[in-house]
Amino acid sequence: QAQAFAKAARLLDEARTSEIGDIAAYAQALSFNRTLWTVLQADLADRDNPLPDDLKAQLMSLSIFVDRRTIEAQAYPDQTRLTALIDIDRDMAAGLFATG
């Protein structure tokens, strides 16, 4: 999981720093990130998920923020919209690497 978040952050960062107009890289990075967070949401909603309820609620809240930010970035393409997503994915990866 940590590697998936690290990859998402890397793809988003590459899209953010790529030449303006590379909409394919931008869209691909957002798609990968959206899929990753959708998988996380499904895992959090699973009644067999062993995480404490308060942590699941916090992660679900964060995932909703990521969903909103992703929709905004898709509707209004702008490389600066990716910064928050990159920061969140990097933080998730770091936390998972530390606990893994």
PDB file of N, CA and C in Angstrom:
ATOM      1  N   GLN A   1       0.815  -1.201   0.000  1.00  0.00           N
ATOM      2  CA  GLN A   1       0.000   0.000   0.000  1.00  0.00           C
ATOM      3  C   GLN A   1       0.854   1.259   0.000  1.00  0.00           C
ATOM      4  N   ALA A   2       1.925   1.226   0.765  1.00  0.00           N
ATOM      5  CA  ALA A   2       2.798   2.390   0.820  1.00  0.00           C
ATOM      6  C   ALA A   2       3.370   2.693  -0.559  1.00  0.00           C
ATOM      7  N   GLN A   3       3.752   1.649  -1.271  1.00  0.00           N
ATOM      8  CA  GLN A   3       4.317   1.845  -2.608  1.00  0.00           C
ATOM      9  C   GLN A   3       3.274   2.404  -3.576  1.00  0.00           C
ATOM     10  N   ALA A   4       2.020   2.010  -3.411  1.00  0.00           N
ATOM     11  CA  ALA A   4       0.957   2.527  -4.275  1.00  0.00           C
ATOM     12  C   ALA A   4       0.760   4.029  -4.057  1.00  0.00           C
ATOM     13  N   PHE A   5       0.781   4.456  -2.795  1.00  0.00           N
ATOM     14  CA  PHE A   5       0.646   5.889  -2.519  1.00  0.00           C
ATOM     15  C   PHE A   5       1.870   6.662  -2.996  1.00  0.00           C
ATOM     16  N   ALA A   6       3.042   6.061  -2.858  1.00  0.00           N
ATOM     17  CA  ALA A   6       4.263   6.704  -3.361  1.00  0.00           C
ATOM     18  C   ALA A   6       4.204   6.843  -4.875  1.00  0.00           C
ATOM     19  N   LYS A   7       3.697   5.804  -5.549  1.00  0.00           N
ATOM     20  CA  LYS A   7       3.565   5.867  -7.011  1.00  0.00           C
ATOM     21  C   LYS A   7       2.556   6.939  -7.410  1.00  0.00           C
ATOM     22  N   ALA A   8       1.439   7.012  -6.707  1.00  0.00           N
ATOM     23  CA  ALA A   8       0.435   8.031  -7.006  1.00  0.00           C
ATOM     24  C   ALA A   8       1.023   9.429  -6.855  1.00  0.00           C
ATOM     25  N   ALA A   9       1.767   9.642  -5.776  1.00  0.00           N
ATOM     26  CA  ALA A   9       2.397  10.950  -5.555  1.00  0.00           C
ATOM     27  C   ALA A   9       3.384  11.260  -6.671  1.00  0.00           C
ATOM     28  N   ARG A  10       4.153  10.255  -7.081  1.00  0.00           N
ATOM     29  CA  ARG A  10       5.138  10.465  -8.148  1.00  0.00           C
ATOM     30  C   ARG A  10       4.450  10.812  -9.472  1.00  0.00           C
ATOM     31  N   LEU A  11       3.395  10.083  -9.812  1.00  0.00           N
ATOM     32  CA  LEU A  11       2.672  10.368 -11.062  1.00  0.00           C
ATOM     33  C   LEU A  11       2.065  11.768 -11.052  1.00  0.00           C
ATOM     34  N   LEU A  12       1.470  12.127  -9.922  1.00  0.00           N
ATOM     35  CA  LEU A  12       0.884  13.463  -9.805  1.00  0.00           C
ATOM     36  C   LEU A  12       1.958  14.540  -9.885  1.00  0.00           C
ATOM     37  N   ASP A  13       3.094  14.301  -9.238  1.00  0.00           N
ATOM     38  CA  ASP A  13       4.179  15.283  -9.264  1.00  0.00           C
ATOM     39  C   ASP A  13       4.742  15.424 -10.679  1.00  0.00           C
ATOM     40  N   GLU A  14       4.874  14.316 -11.390  1.00  0.00           N
ATOM     41  CA  GLU A  14       5.339  14.380 -12.773  1.00  0.00           C
ATOM     42  C   GLU A  14       4.343  15.150 -13.638  1.00  0.00           C
ATOM     43  N   ALA A  15       3.055  14.935 -13.396  1.00  0.00           N
ATOM     44  CA  ALA A  15       2.027  15.668 -14.154  1.00  0.00           C
ATOM     45  C   ALA A  15       2.068  17.149 -13.803  1.00  0.00           C
ATOM     46  N   ARG A  16       2.345  17.454 -12.544  1.00  0.00           N
ATOM     47  CA  ARG A  16       2.397  18.850 -12.110  1.00  0.00           C
ATOM     48  C   ARG A  16       3.591  19.577 -12.726  1.00  0.00           C
ATOM     49  N   THR A  17       4.697  18.885 -12.888  1.00  0.00           N
ATOM     50  CA  THR A  17       5.908  19.538 -13.382  1.00  0.00           C
ATOM     51  C   THR A  17       6.136  19.329 -14.880  1.00  0.00           C
ATOM     52  N   SER A  18       5.245  18.579 -15.534  1.00  0.00           N
ATOM     53  CA  SER A  18       5.404  18.357 -16.972  1.00  0.00           C
ATOM     54  C   SER A  18       5.039  19.618 -17.741  1.00  0.00           C
ATOM     55  N   GLU A  19       5.346  19.580 -18.999  1.00  0.00           N
ATOM     56  CA  GLU A  19       5.006  20.727 -19.849  1.00  0.00           C
ATOM     57  C   GLU A  19       3.503  20.967 -19.800  1.00  0.00           C
ATOM     58  N   ILE A  20       3.156  22.225 -19.751  1.00  0.00           N
ATOM     59  CA  ILE A  20       1.734  22.582 -19.755  1.00  0.00           C
ATOM     60  C   ILE A  20       1.126  22.043 -21.039  1.00  0.00           C
ATOM     61  N   GLY A  21      -0.008  21.428 -20.912  1.00  0.00           N
ATOM     62  CA  GLY A  21      -0.677  20.869 -22.067  1.00  0.00           C
ATOM     63  C   GLY A  21      -0.544  19.364 -22.171  1.00  0.00           C
ATOM     64  N   ASP A  22       0.274  18.740 -21.303  1.00  0.00           N
ATOM     65  CA  ASP A  22       0.374  17.284 -21.315  1.00  0.00           C
ATOM     66  C   ASP A  22      -0.810  16.738 -20.531  1.00  0.00           C
ATOM     67  N   ILE A  23      -1.970  16.887 -21.133  1.00  0.00           N
ATOM     68  CA  ILE A  23      -3.214  16.525 -20.468  1.00  0.00           C
ATOM     69  C   ILE A  23      -3.328  15.022 -20.264  1.00  0.00           C
ATOM     70  N   ALA A  24      -2.649  14.237 -21.109  1.00  0.00           N
ATOM     71  CA  ALA A  24      -2.703  12.779 -20.953  1.00  0.00           C
ATOM     72  C   ALA A  24      -2.044  12.350 -19.643  1.00  0.00           C
ATOM     73  N   ALA A  25      -0.876  12.891 -19.336  1.00  0.00           N
ATOM     74  CA  ALA A  25      -0.190  12.554 -18.087  1.00  0.00           C
ATOM     75  C   ALA A  25      -0.997  13.050 -16.893  1.00  0.00           C
ATOM     76  N   TYR A  26      -1.574  14.215 -17.027  1.00  0.00           N
ATOM     77  CA  TYR A  26      -2.398  14.811 -15.983  1.00  0.00           C
ATOM     78  C   TYR A  26      -3.604  13.903 -15.690  1.00  0.00           C
ATOM     79  N   ALA A  27      -4.309  13.498 -16.743  1.00  0.00           N
ATOM     80  CA  ALA A  27      -5.495  12.650 -16.585  1.00  0.00           C
ATOM     81  C   ALA A  27      -5.126  11.270 -16.052  1.00  0.00           C
ATOM     82  N   GLN A  28      -4.030  10.708 -16.527  1.00  0.00           N
ATOM     83  CA  GLN A  28      -3.594   9.389 -16.075  1.00  0.00           C
ATOM     84  C   GLN A  28      -3.245   9.417 -14.587  1.00  0.00           C
ATOM     85  N   ALA A  29      -2.559  10.442 -14.160  1.00  0.00           N
ATOM     86  CA  ALA A  29      -2.181  10.555 -12.750  1.00  0.00           C
ATOM     87  C   ALA A  29      -3.424  10.676 -11.863  1.00  0.00           C
ATOM     88  N   LEU A  30      -4.379  11.490 -12.275  1.00  0.00           N
ATOM     89  CA  LEU A  30      -5.611  11.637 -11.500  1.00  0.00           C
ATOM     90  C   LEU A  30      -6.401  10.336 -11.475  1.00  0.00           C
ATOM     91  N   SER A  31      -6.431   9.626 -12.590  1.00  0.00           N
ATOM     92  CA  SER A  31      -7.156   8.362 -12.657  1.00  0.00           C
ATOM     93  C   SER A  31      -6.543   7.325 -11.724  1.00  0.00           C
ATOM     94  N   PHE A  32      -5.215   7.218 -11.740  1.00  0.00           N
ATOM     95  CA  PHE A  32      -4.548   6.265 -10.854  1.00  0.00           C
ATOM     96  C   PHE A  32      -4.836   6.614  -9.394  1.00  0.00           C
ATOM     97  N   ASN A  33      -4.722   7.879  -9.064  1.00  0.00           N
ATOM     98  CA  ASN A  33      -4.964   8.316  -7.692  1.00  0.00           C
ATOM     99  C   ASN A  33      -6.410   8.061  -7.271  1.00  0.00           C
ATOM    100  N   ARG A  34      -7.339   8.349  -8.158  1.00  0.00           N
ATOM    101  CA  ARG A  34      -8.758   8.128  -7.845  1.00  0.00           C
ATOM    102  C   ARG A  34      -9.027   6.645  -7.589  1.00  0.00           C
ATOM    103  N   THR A  35      -8.444   5.785  -8.414  1.00  0.00           N
ATOM    104  CA  THR A  35      -8.615   4.345  -8.231  1.00  0.00           C
ATOM    105  C   THR A  35      -8.040   3.891  -6.896  1.00  0.00           C
ATOM    106  N   LEU A  36      -6.870   4.368  -6.571  1.00  0.00           N
ATOM    107  CA  LEU A  36      -6.234   4.019  -5.303  1.00  0.00           C
ATOM    108  C   LEU A  36      -7.121   4.400  -4.121  1.00  0.00           C
ATOM    109  N   TRP A  37      -7.645   5.606  -4.145  1.00  0.00           N
ATOM    110  CA  TRP A  37      -8.477   6.060  -3.034  1.00  0.00           C
ATOM    111  C   TRP A  37      -9.826   5.349  -3.008  1.00  0.00           C
ATOM    112  N   THR A  38     -10.337   4.945  -4.149  1.00  0.00           N
ATOM    113  CA  THR A  38     -11.588   4.177  -4.194  1.00  0.00           C
ATOM    114  C   THR A  38     -11.381   2.809  -3.545  1.00  0.00           C
ATOM    115  N   VAL A  39     -10.245   2.193  -3.810  1.00  0.00           N
ATOM    116  CA  VAL A  39      -9.915   0.915  -3.174  1.00  0.00           C
ATOM    117  C   VAL A  39      -9.812   1.096  -1.658  1.00  0.00           C
ATOM    118  N   LEU A  40      -9.173   2.182  -1.239  1.00  0.00           N
ATOM    119  CA  LEU A  40      -9.057   2.453   0.193  1.00  0.00           C
ATOM    120  C   LEU A  40     -10.440   2.634   0.817  1.00  0.00           C
ATOM    121  N   GLN A  41     -11.318   3.371   0.146  1.00  0.00           N
ATOM    122  CA  GLN A  41     -12.669   3.583   0.667  1.00  0.00           C
ATOM    123  C   GLN A  41     -13.410   2.259   0.827  1.00  0.00           C
ATOM    124  N   ALA A  42     -13.283   1.389  -0.165  1.00  0.00           N
ATOM    125  CA  ALA A  42     -13.945   0.080  -0.080  1.00  0.00           C
ATOM    126  C   ALA A  42     -13.395  -0.732   1.087  1.00  0.00           C
ATOM    127  N   ASP A  43     -12.095  -0.670   1.280  1.00  0.00           N
ATOM    128  CA  ASP A  43     -11.473  -1.386   2.393  1.00  0.00           C
ATOM    129  C   ASP A  43     -11.935  -0.814   3.732  1.00  0.00           C
ATOM    130  N   LEU A  44     -12.028   0.487   3.824  1.00  0.00           N
ATOM    131  CA  LEU A  44     -12.482   1.112   5.066  1.00  0.00           C
ATOM    132  C   LEU A  44     -13.936   0.767   5.380  1.00  0.00           C
ATOM    133  N   ALA A  45     -14.747   0.603   4.353  1.00  0.00           N
ATOM    134  CA  ALA A  45     -16.168   0.298   4.537  1.00  0.00           C
ATOM    135  C   ALA A  45     -16.421  -1.174   4.862  1.00  0.00           C
ATOM    136  N   ASP A  46     -15.424  -2.011   4.645  1.00  0.00           N
ATOM    137  CA  ASP A  46     -15.560  -3.444   4.913  1.00  0.00           C
ATOM    138  C   ASP A  46     -15.698  -3.679   6.411  1.00  0.00           C
ATOM    139  N   ARG A  47     -16.745  -4.372   6.812  1.00  0.00           N
ATOM    140  CA  ARG A  47     -16.983  -4.585   8.243  1.00  0.00           C
ATOM    141  C   ARG A  47     -15.891  -5.411   8.904  1.00  0.00           C
ATOM    142  N   ASP A  48     -15.105  -6.137   8.117  1.00  0.00           N
ATOM    143  CA  ASP A  48     -14.007  -6.934   8.676  1.00  0.00           C
ATOM    144  C   ASP A  48     -12.698  -6.150   8.789  1.00  0.00           C
ATOM    145  N   ASN A  49     -12.728  -4.874   8.419  1.00  0.00           N
ATOM    146  CA  ASN A  49     -11.520  -4.055   8.528  1.00  0.00           C
ATOM    147  C   ASN A  49     -11.161  -3.907  10.005  1.00  0.00           C
ATOM    148  N   PRO A  50      -9.918  -4.271  10.376  1.00  0.00           N
ATOM    149  CA  PRO A  50      -9.554  -4.276  11.793  1.00  0.00           C
ATOM    150  C   PRO A  50      -9.147  -2.921  12.377  1.00  0.00           C
ATOM    151  N   LEU A  51      -9.084  -1.884  11.567  1.00  0.00           N
ATOM    152  CA  LEU A  51      -8.681  -0.573  12.087  1.00  0.00           C
ATOM    153  C   LEU A  51      -9.700  -0.050  13.096  1.00  0.00           C
ATOM    154  N   PRO A  52      -9.243   0.735  14.062  1.00  0.00           N
ATOM    155  CA  PRO A  52     -10.182   1.363  15.008  1.00  0.00           C
ATOM    156  C   PRO A  52     -11.163   2.278  14.256  1.00  0.00           C
ATOM    157  N   ASP A  53     -12.375   2.328  14.756  1.00  0.00           N
ATOM    158  CA  ASP A  53     -13.430   3.100  14.088  1.00  0.00           C
ATOM    159  C   ASP A  53     -13.055   4.567  13.900  1.00  0.00           C
ATOM    160  N   ASP A  54     -12.393   5.172  14.894  1.00  0.00           N
ATOM    161  CA  ASP A  54     -12.047   6.586  14.756  1.00  0.00           C
ATOM    162  C   ASP A  54     -11.021   6.800  13.639  1.00  0.00           C
ATOM    163  N   LEU A  55     -10.087   5.882  13.491  1.00  0.00           N
ATOM    164  CA  LEU A  55      -9.115   5.994  12.403  1.00  0.00           C
ATOM    165  C   LEU A  55      -9.784   5.780  11.053  1.00  0.00           C
ATOM    166  N   LYS A  56     -10.690   4.821  10.983  1.00  0.00           N
ATOM    167  CA  LYS A  56     -11.425   4.599   9.727  1.00  0.00           C
ATOM    168  C   LYS A  56     -12.225   5.851   9.350  1.00  0.00           C
ATOM    169  N   ALA A  57     -12.846   6.485  10.332  1.00  0.00           N
ATOM    170  CA  ALA A  57     -13.632   7.695  10.069  1.00  0.00           C
ATOM    171  C   ALA A  57     -12.731   8.829   9.570  1.00  0.00           C
ATOM    172  N   GLN A  58     -11.562   8.988  10.179  1.00  0.00           N
ATOM    173  CA  GLN A  58     -10.632  10.033   9.744  1.00  0.00           C
ATOM    174  C   GLN A  58     -10.141   9.780   8.324  1.00  0.00           C
ATOM    175  N   LEU A  59      -9.810   8.540   8.028  1.00  0.00           N
ATOM    176  CA  LEU A  59      -9.344   8.206   6.679  1.00  0.00           C
ATOM    177  C   LEU A  59     -10.461   8.362   5.655  1.00  0.00           C
ATOM    178  N   MET A  60     -11.678   8.015   6.027  1.00  0.00           N
ATOM    179  CA  MET A  60     -12.805   8.183   5.108  1.00  0.00           C
ATOM    180  C   MET A  60     -13.046   9.668   4.840  1.00  0.00           C
ATOM    181  N   SER A  61     -12.943  10.492   5.865  1.00  0.00           N
ATOM    182  CA  SER A  61     -13.086  11.938   5.693  1.00  0.00           C
ATOM    183  C   SER A  61     -12.004  12.474   4.760  1.00  0.00           C
ATOM    184  N   LEU A  62     -10.782  12.015   4.958  1.00  0.00           N
ATOM    185  CA  LEU A  62      -9.690  12.424   4.074  1.00  0.00           C
ATOM    186  C   LEU A  62      -9.949  11.973   2.642  1.00  0.00           C
ATOM    187  N   SER A  63     -10.477  10.778   2.484  1.00  0.00           N
ATOM    188  CA  SER A  63     -10.749  10.277   1.134  1.00  0.00           C
ATOM    189  C   SER A  63     -11.839  11.088   0.440  1.00  0.00           C
ATOM    190  N   ILE A  64     -12.781  11.592   1.191  1.00  0.00           N
ATOM    191  CA  ILE A  64     -13.827  12.442   0.609  1.00  0.00           C
ATOM    192  C   ILE A  64     -13.213  13.759   0.139  1.00  0.00           C
ATOM    193  N   PHE A  65     -12.296  14.304   0.927  1.00  0.00           N
ATOM    194  CA  PHE A  65     -11.579  15.507   0.496  1.00  0.00           C
ATOM    195  C   PHE A  65     -10.810  15.230  -0.793  1.00  0.00           C
ATOM    196  N   VAL A  66     -10.129  14.096  -0.855  1.00  0.00           N
ATOM    197  CA  VAL A  66      -9.372  13.725  -2.051  1.00  0.00           C
ATOM    198  C   VAL A  66     -10.318  13.599  -3.256  1.00  0.00           C
ATOM    199  N   ASP A  67     -11.482  12.999  -3.046  1.00  0.00           N
ATOM    200  CA  ASP A  67     -12.471  12.890  -4.128  1.00  0.00           C
ATOM    201  C   ASP A  67     -12.857  14.269  -4.653  1.00  0.00           C
ATOM    202  N   ARG A  68     -13.164  15.172  -3.741  1.00  0.00           N
ATOM    203  CA  ARG A  68     -13.572  16.532  -4.153  1.00  0.00           C
ATOM    204  C   ARG A  68     -12.453  17.246  -4.903  1.00  0.00           C
ATOM    205  N   ARG A  69     -11.255  17.159  -4.371  1.00  0.00           N
ATOM    206  CA  ARG A  69     -10.112  17.819  -5.008  1.00  0.00           C
ATOM    207  C   ARG A  69      -9.852  17.216  -6.390  1.00  0.00           C
ATOM    208  N   THR A  70     -10.017  15.914  -6.517  1.00  0.00           N
ATOM    209  CA  THR A  70      -9.813  15.242  -7.805  1.00  0.00           C
ATOM    210  C   THR A  70     -10.847  15.706  -8.822  1.00  0.00           C
ATOM    211  N   ILE A  71     -12.087  15.793  -8.399  1.00  0.00           N
ATOM    212  CA  ILE A  71     -13.150  16.267  -9.302  1.00  0.00           C
ATOM    213  C   ILE A  71     -12.854  17.693  -9.766  1.00  0.00           C
ATOM    214  N   GLU A  72     -12.420  18.543  -8.847  1.00  0.00           N
ATOM    215  CA  GLU A  72     -12.053  19.915  -9.211  1.00  0.00           C
ATOM    216  C   GLU A  72     -10.902  19.924 -10.213  1.00  0.00           C
ATOM    217  N   ALA A  73      -9.903  19.096  -9.961  1.00  0.00           N
ATOM    218  CA  ALA A  73      -8.735  19.053 -10.852  1.00  0.00           C
ATOM    219  C   ALA A  73      -9.103  18.518 -12.230  1.00  0.00           C
ATOM    220  N   GLN A  74     -10.072  17.623 -12.292  1.00  0.00           N
ATOM    221  CA  GLN A  74     -10.514  17.111 -13.582  1.00  0.00           C
ATOM    222  C   GLN A  74     -11.373  18.141 -14.320  1.00  0.00           C
ATOM    223  N   ALA A  75     -12.228  18.816 -13.591  1.00  0.00           N
ATOM    224  CA  ALA A  75     -13.122  19.789 -14.213  1.00  0.00           C
ATOM    225  C   ALA A  75     -12.401  21.050 -14.650  1.00  0.00           C
ATOM    226  N   TYR A  76     -11.403  21.444 -13.876  1.00  0.00           N
ATOM    227  CA  TYR A  76     -10.661  22.676 -14.144  1.00  0.00           C
ATOM    228  C   TYR A  76      -9.162  22.365 -14.134  1.00  0.00           C
ATOM    229  N   PRO A  77      -8.675  21.728 -15.200  1.00  0.00           N
ATOM    230  CA  PRO A  77      -7.259  21.325 -15.221  1.00  0.00           C
ATOM    231  C   PRO A  77      -6.313  22.485 -14.945  1.00  0.00           C
ATOM    232  N   ASP A  78      -5.507  22.269 -13.948  1.00  0.00           N
ATOM    233  CA  ASP A  78      -4.519  23.256 -13.531  1.00  0.00           C
ATOM    234  C   ASP A  78      -3.507  22.504 -12.678  1.00  0.00           C
ATOM    235  N   GLN A  79      -2.273  22.546 -13.067  1.00  0.00           N
ATOM    236  CA  GLN A  79      -1.250  21.774 -12.383  1.00  0.00           C
ATOM    237  C   GLN A  79      -1.130  22.112 -10.901  1.00  0.00           C
ATOM    238  N   THR A  80      -1.463  23.333 -10.523  1.00  0.00           N
ATOM    239  CA  THR A  80      -1.355  23.711  -9.116  1.00  0.00           C
ATOM    240  C   THR A  80      -2.401  23.001  -8.250  1.00  0.00           C
ATOM    241  N   ARG A  81      -3.461  22.497  -8.863  1.00  0.00           N
ATOM    242  CA  ARG A  81      -4.494  21.777  -8.116  1.00  0.00           C
ATOM    243  C   ARG A  81      -4.003  20.418  -7.621  1.00  0.00           C
ATOM    244  N   LEU A  82      -2.870  19.975  -8.126  1.00  0.00           N
ATOM    245  CA  LEU A  82      -2.354  18.660  -7.764  1.00  0.00           C
ATOM    246  C   LEU A  82      -1.538  18.669  -6.474  1.00  0.00           C
ATOM    247  N   THR A  83      -1.118  19.837  -6.032  1.00  0.00           N
ATOM    248  CA  THR A  83      -0.199  19.931  -4.894  1.00  0.00           C
ATOM    249  C   THR A  83      -0.767  19.283  -3.633  1.00  0.00           C
ATOM    250  N   ALA A  84      -1.995  19.570  -3.283  1.00  0.00           N
ATOM    251  CA  ALA A  84      -2.586  18.991  -2.065  1.00  0.00           C
ATOM    252  C   ALA A  84      -2.676  17.474  -2.174  1.00  0.00           C
ATOM    253  N   LEU A  85      -3.033  16.986  -3.354  1.00  0.00           N
ATOM    254  CA  LEU A  85      -3.122  15.535  -3.544  1.00  0.00           C
ATOM    255  C   LEU A  85      -1.751  14.881  -3.389  1.00  0.00           C
ATOM    256  N   ILE A  86      -0.736  15.509  -3.930  1.00  0.00           N
ATOM    257  CA  ILE A  86       0.629  14.988  -3.811  1.00  0.00           C
ATOM    258  C   ILE A  86       1.039  14.936  -2.340  1.00  0.00           C
ATOM    259  N   ASP A  87       0.795  16.012  -1.624  1.00  0.00           N
ATOM    260  CA  ASP A  87       1.164  16.065  -0.204  1.00  0.00           C
ATOM    261  C   ASP A  87       0.456  14.971   0.595  1.00  0.00           C
ATOM    262  N   ILE A  88      -0.818  14.773   0.337  1.00  0.00           N
ATOM    263  CA  ILE A  88      -1.587  13.754   1.054  1.00  0.00           C
ATOM    264  C   ILE A  88      -1.046  12.364   0.733  1.00  0.00           C
ATOM    265  N   ASP A  89      -0.808  12.095  -0.543  1.00  0.00           N
ATOM    266  CA  ASP A  89      -0.297  10.775  -0.926  1.00  0.00           C
ATOM    267  C   ASP A  89       1.089  10.527  -0.332  1.00  0.00           C
ATOM    268  N   ARG A  90       1.925  11.540  -0.321  1.00  0.00           N
ATOM    269  CA  ARG A  90       3.259  11.379   0.286  1.00  0.00           C
ATOM    270  C   ARG A  90       3.145  11.097   1.783  1.00  0.00           C
ATOM    271  N   ASP A  91       2.255  11.806   2.454  1.00  0.00           N
ATOM    272  CA  ASP A  91       2.039  11.568   3.886  1.00  0.00           C
ATOM    273  C   ASP A  91       1.511  10.163   4.141  1.00  0.00           C
ATOM    274  N   MET A  92       0.583   9.712   3.307  1.00  0.00           N
ATOM    275  CA  MET A  92       0.055   8.353   3.452  1.00  0.00           C
ATOM    276  C   MET A  92       1.168   7.339   3.249  1.00  0.00           C
ATOM    277  N   ALA A  93       1.961   7.519   2.215  1.00  0.00           N
ATOM    278  CA  ALA A  93       3.062   6.584   1.944  1.00  0.00           C
ATOM    279  C   ALA A  93       4.042   6.564   3.107  1.00  0.00           C
ATOM    280  N   ALA A  94       4.407   7.726   3.604  1.00  0.00           N
ATOM    281  CA  ALA A  94       5.360   7.798   4.718  1.00  0.00           C
ATOM    282  C   ALA A  94       4.818   7.092   5.953  1.00  0.00           C
ATOM    283  N   GLY A  95       3.561   7.323   6.252  1.00  0.00           N
ATOM    284  CA  GLY A  95       2.950   6.671   7.409  1.00  0.00           C
ATOM    285  C   GLY A  95       2.884   5.156   7.257  1.00  0.00           C
ATOM    286  N   LEU A  96       2.557   4.712   6.067  1.00  0.00           N
ATOM    287  CA  LEU A  96       2.482   3.273   5.830  1.00  0.00           C
ATOM    288  C   LEU A  96       3.864   2.627   5.842  1.00  0.00           C
ATOM    289  N   PHE A  97       4.849   3.305   5.276  1.00  0.00           N
ATOM    290  CA  PHE A  97       6.211   2.767   5.322  1.00  0.00           C
ATOM    291  C   PHE A  97       6.690   2.664   6.774  1.00  0.00           C
ATOM    292  N   ALA A  98       6.324   3.654   7.586  1.00  0.00           N
ATOM    293  CA  ALA A  98       6.775   3.676   8.983  1.00  0.00           C
ATOM    294  C   ALA A  98       6.137   2.557   9.805  1.00  0.00           C
ATOM    295  N   THR A  99       4.890   2.207   9.470  1.00  0.00           N
ATOM    296  CA  THR A  99       4.199   1.174  10.236  1.00  0.00           C
ATOM    297  C   THR A  99       4.354  -0.210   9.631  1.00  0.00           C
ATOM    298  N   GLY A 100       4.811  -0.262   8.367  1.00  0.00           N
ATOM    299  CA  GLY A 100       4.892  -1.536   7.658  1.00  0.00           C
ATOM    300  C   GLY A 100       6.070  -2.312   8.025  1.00  0.00           C
TER     301      GLY A 100
END
